[in-house]
Amino acid sequence: MIHRNPILACVIKQYGTGLYRACVSFNKGHTVFLSAHQDEESANETVNRFQEACRDGTIKTAEDVMSFAGSLDLKGGADHGLFSCESALSLAA
């Protein structure tokens, strides 16, 4: 049986700013903020697209996550999160 690290993808409301952040985590202690949105619906759309990319094999490495985040076509006042290859993300094949 192949062991896979669970992928947690969620939307977090950032109080004080009113922004909704699309976040993913591959292992304990490593979270990537993909983008920040003015509305929860568009943040959820980003998370859904991310999960789809994981299922279809587009995302396999930390570099794939960066490429995915950089390719997002964000709407309205949304913005990309800060991310880096040096965050020590590891994905199970």
C-alpha atoms as a PDB file:
ATOM      1  CA  MET A   1       0.000   0.000   0.000  1.00  0.00           C
ATOM      2  CA  ILE A   2       1.310   3.421  -0.945  1.00  0.00           C
ATOM      3  CA  HIS A   3       1.359   5.890   1.948  1.00  0.00           C
ATOM      4  CA  ARG A   4       0.265   9.405   1.012  1.00  0.00           C
ATOM      5  CA  ASN A   5       0.518  12.496   3.133  1.00  0.00           C
ATOM      6  CA  PRO A   6      -2.916  13.970   3.671  1.00  0.00           C
ATOM      7  CA  ILE A   7      -3.467  17.295   1.957  1.00  0.00           C
ATOM      8  CA  LEU A   8      -5.482  19.828   3.899  1.00  0.00           C
ATOM      9  CA  ALA A   9      -6.991  22.626   1.845  1.00  0.00           C
ATOM     10  CA  CYS A  10      -9.182  25.276   3.417  1.00  0.00           C
ATOM     11  CA  VAL A  11     -10.328  28.874   3.443  1.00  0.00           C
ATOM     12  CA  ILE A  12      -9.465  31.002   6.463  1.00  0.00           C
ATOM     13  CA  LYS A  13     -11.125  34.324   7.203  1.00  0.00           C
ATOM     14  CA  GLN A  14      -8.504  36.812   8.296  1.00  0.00           C
ATOM     15  CA  TYR A  15     -10.207  38.944  10.901  1.00  0.00           C
ATOM     16  CA  GLY A  16      -9.283  42.586  10.949  1.00  0.00           C
ATOM     17  CA  THR A  17      -8.845  42.658   7.178  1.00  0.00           C
ATOM     18  CA  GLY A  18     -11.974  40.819   6.086  1.00  0.00           C
ATOM     19  CA  LEU A  19      -9.921  38.829   3.553  1.00  0.00           C
ATOM     20  CA  TYR A  20     -10.428  35.142   2.860  1.00  0.00           C
ATOM     21  CA  ARG A  21      -7.197  33.194   2.396  1.00  0.00           C
ATOM     22  CA  ALA A  22      -6.986  30.002   0.343  1.00  0.00           C
ATOM     23  CA  CYS A  23      -4.546  27.758   2.233  1.00  0.00           C
ATOM     24  CA  VAL A  24      -3.063  24.292   1.769  1.00  0.00           C
ATOM     25  CA  SER A  25      -0.957  22.115   4.026  1.00  0.00           C
ATOM     26  CA  PHE A  26       0.892  18.946   3.049  1.00  0.00           C
ATOM     27  CA  ASN A  27       2.488  18.043   6.322  1.00  0.00           C
ATOM     28  CA  LYS A  28       2.627  19.213   9.892  1.00  0.00           C
ATOM     29  CA  GLY A  29       4.035  22.706  10.211  1.00  0.00           C
ATOM     30  CA  HIS A  30       4.031  23.630   6.503  1.00  0.00           C
ATOM     31  CA  THR A  31       1.187  25.771   5.217  1.00  0.00           C
ATOM     32  CA  VAL A  32       1.074  27.625   1.920  1.00  0.00           C
ATOM     33  CA  PHE A  33      -1.208  30.597   1.438  1.00  0.00           C
ATOM     34  CA  LEU A  34      -2.175  30.449  -2.240  1.00  0.00           C
ATOM     35  CA  SER A  35      -4.168  33.660  -2.434  1.00  0.00           C
ATOM     36  CA  ALA A  36      -6.241  36.248  -0.561  1.00  0.00           C
ATOM     37  CA  HIS A  37      -9.765  37.156  -1.693  1.00  0.00           C
ATOM     38  CA  GLN A  38     -12.387  39.754  -0.887  1.00  0.00           C
ATOM     39  CA  ASP A  39     -15.104  37.062  -0.887  1.00  0.00           C
ATOM     40  CA  GLU A  40     -15.349  33.523   0.419  1.00  0.00           C
ATOM     41  CA  GLU A  41     -16.765  32.128  -2.827  1.00  0.00           C
ATOM     42  CA  SER A  42     -13.695  32.954  -4.920  1.00  0.00           C
ATOM     43  CA  ALA A  43     -11.377  31.638  -2.173  1.00  0.00           C
ATOM     44  CA  ASN A  44     -13.327  28.358  -2.178  1.00  0.00           C
ATOM     45  CA  GLU A  45     -13.025  28.234  -5.974  1.00  0.00           C
ATOM     46  CA  THR A  46      -9.224  28.455  -5.645  1.00  0.00           C
ATOM     47  CA  VAL A  47      -9.185  25.614  -3.090  1.00  0.00           C
ATOM     48  CA  ASN A  48     -11.414  23.482  -5.333  1.00  0.00           C
ATOM     49  CA  ARG A  49      -9.131  24.081  -8.329  1.00  0.00           C
ATOM     50  CA  PHE A  50      -6.122  23.143  -6.189  1.00  0.00           C
ATOM     51  CA  GLN A  51      -7.736  19.881  -5.047  1.00  0.00           C
ATOM     52  CA  GLU A  52      -8.629  19.077  -8.653  1.00  0.00           C
ATOM     53  CA  ALA A  53      -5.006  19.658  -9.710  1.00  0.00           C
ATOM     54  CA  CYS A  54      -3.827  17.285  -6.955  1.00  0.00           C
ATOM     55  CA  ARG A  55      -6.286  14.587  -8.037  1.00  0.00           C
ATOM     56  CA  ASP A  56      -5.348  14.788 -11.717  1.00  0.00           C
ATOM     57  CA  GLY A  57      -1.598  14.644 -10.953  1.00  0.00           C
ATOM     58  CA  THR A  58      -0.741  18.229 -11.924  1.00  0.00           C
ATOM     59  CA  ILE A  59       0.616  18.898  -8.428  1.00  0.00           C
ATOM     60  CA  LYS A  60       3.279  16.463  -7.219  1.00  0.00           C
ATOM     61  CA  THR A  61       6.090  18.670  -5.887  1.00  0.00           C
ATOM     62  CA  ALA A  62       6.581  21.959  -4.048  1.00  0.00           C
ATOM     63  CA  GLU A  63       7.581  23.503  -7.378  1.00  0.00           C
ATOM     64  CA  ASP A  64       4.234  22.368  -8.820  1.00  0.00           C
ATOM     65  CA  VAL A  65       2.464  24.229  -6.004  1.00  0.00           C
ATOM     66  CA  MET A  66       4.371  27.399  -6.833  1.00  0.00           C
ATOM     67  CA  SER A  67       3.592  27.016 -10.517  1.00  0.00           C
ATOM     68  CA  PHE A  68      -0.090  26.440  -9.747  1.00  0.00           C
ATOM     69  CA  ALA A  69      -0.278  29.477  -7.457  1.00  0.00           C
ATOM     70  CA  GLY A  70       1.487  31.651 -10.010  1.00  0.00           C
ATOM     71  CA  SER A  71      -0.917  30.551 -12.747  1.00  0.00           C
ATOM     72  CA  LEU A  72      -4.077  31.436 -10.842  1.00  0.00           C
ATOM     73  CA  ASP A  73      -6.317  33.870 -12.687  1.00  0.00           C
ATOM     74  CA  LEU A  74      -7.506  35.856  -9.696  1.00  0.00           C
ATOM     75  CA  LYS A  75     -10.668  37.951  -9.761  1.00  0.00           C
ATOM     76  CA  GLY A  76     -11.379  41.382  -8.365  1.00  0.00           C
ATOM     77  CA  GLY A  77      -9.142  42.425  -5.490  1.00  0.00           C
ATOM     78  CA  ALA A  78      -7.665  38.966  -4.943  1.00  0.00           C
ATOM     79  CA  ASP A  79      -3.927  38.649  -4.532  1.00  0.00           C
ATOM     80  CA  HIS A  80      -1.401  35.812  -4.564  1.00  0.00           C
ATOM     81  CA  GLY A  81      -0.014  34.695  -1.232  1.00  0.00           C
ATOM     82  CA  LEU A  82       3.663  34.683  -0.427  1.00  0.00           C
ATOM     83  CA  PHE A  83       5.175  31.285  -1.138  1.00  0.00           C
ATOM     84  CA  SER A  84       8.605  29.809  -1.520  1.00  0.00           C
ATOM     85  CA  CYS A  85      10.260  26.548  -2.547  1.00  0.00           C
ATOM     86  CA  GLU A  86      12.312  26.770   0.610  1.00  0.00           C
ATOM     87  CA  SER A  87       9.323  25.967   2.829  1.00  0.00           C
ATOM     88  CA  ALA A  88      10.407  22.287   2.917  1.00  0.00           C
ATOM     89  CA  LEU A  89       7.157  20.962   1.506  1.00  0.00           C
ATOM     90  CA  SER A  90       7.210  17.304   0.654  1.00  0.00           C
ATOM     91  CA  LEU A  91       4.532  15.453  -1.298  1.00  0.00           C
ATOM     92  CA  ALA A  92       4.022  11.736  -1.515  1.00  0.00           C
ATOM     93  CA  ALA A  93       3.999  10.425  -5.065  1.00  0.00           C
END
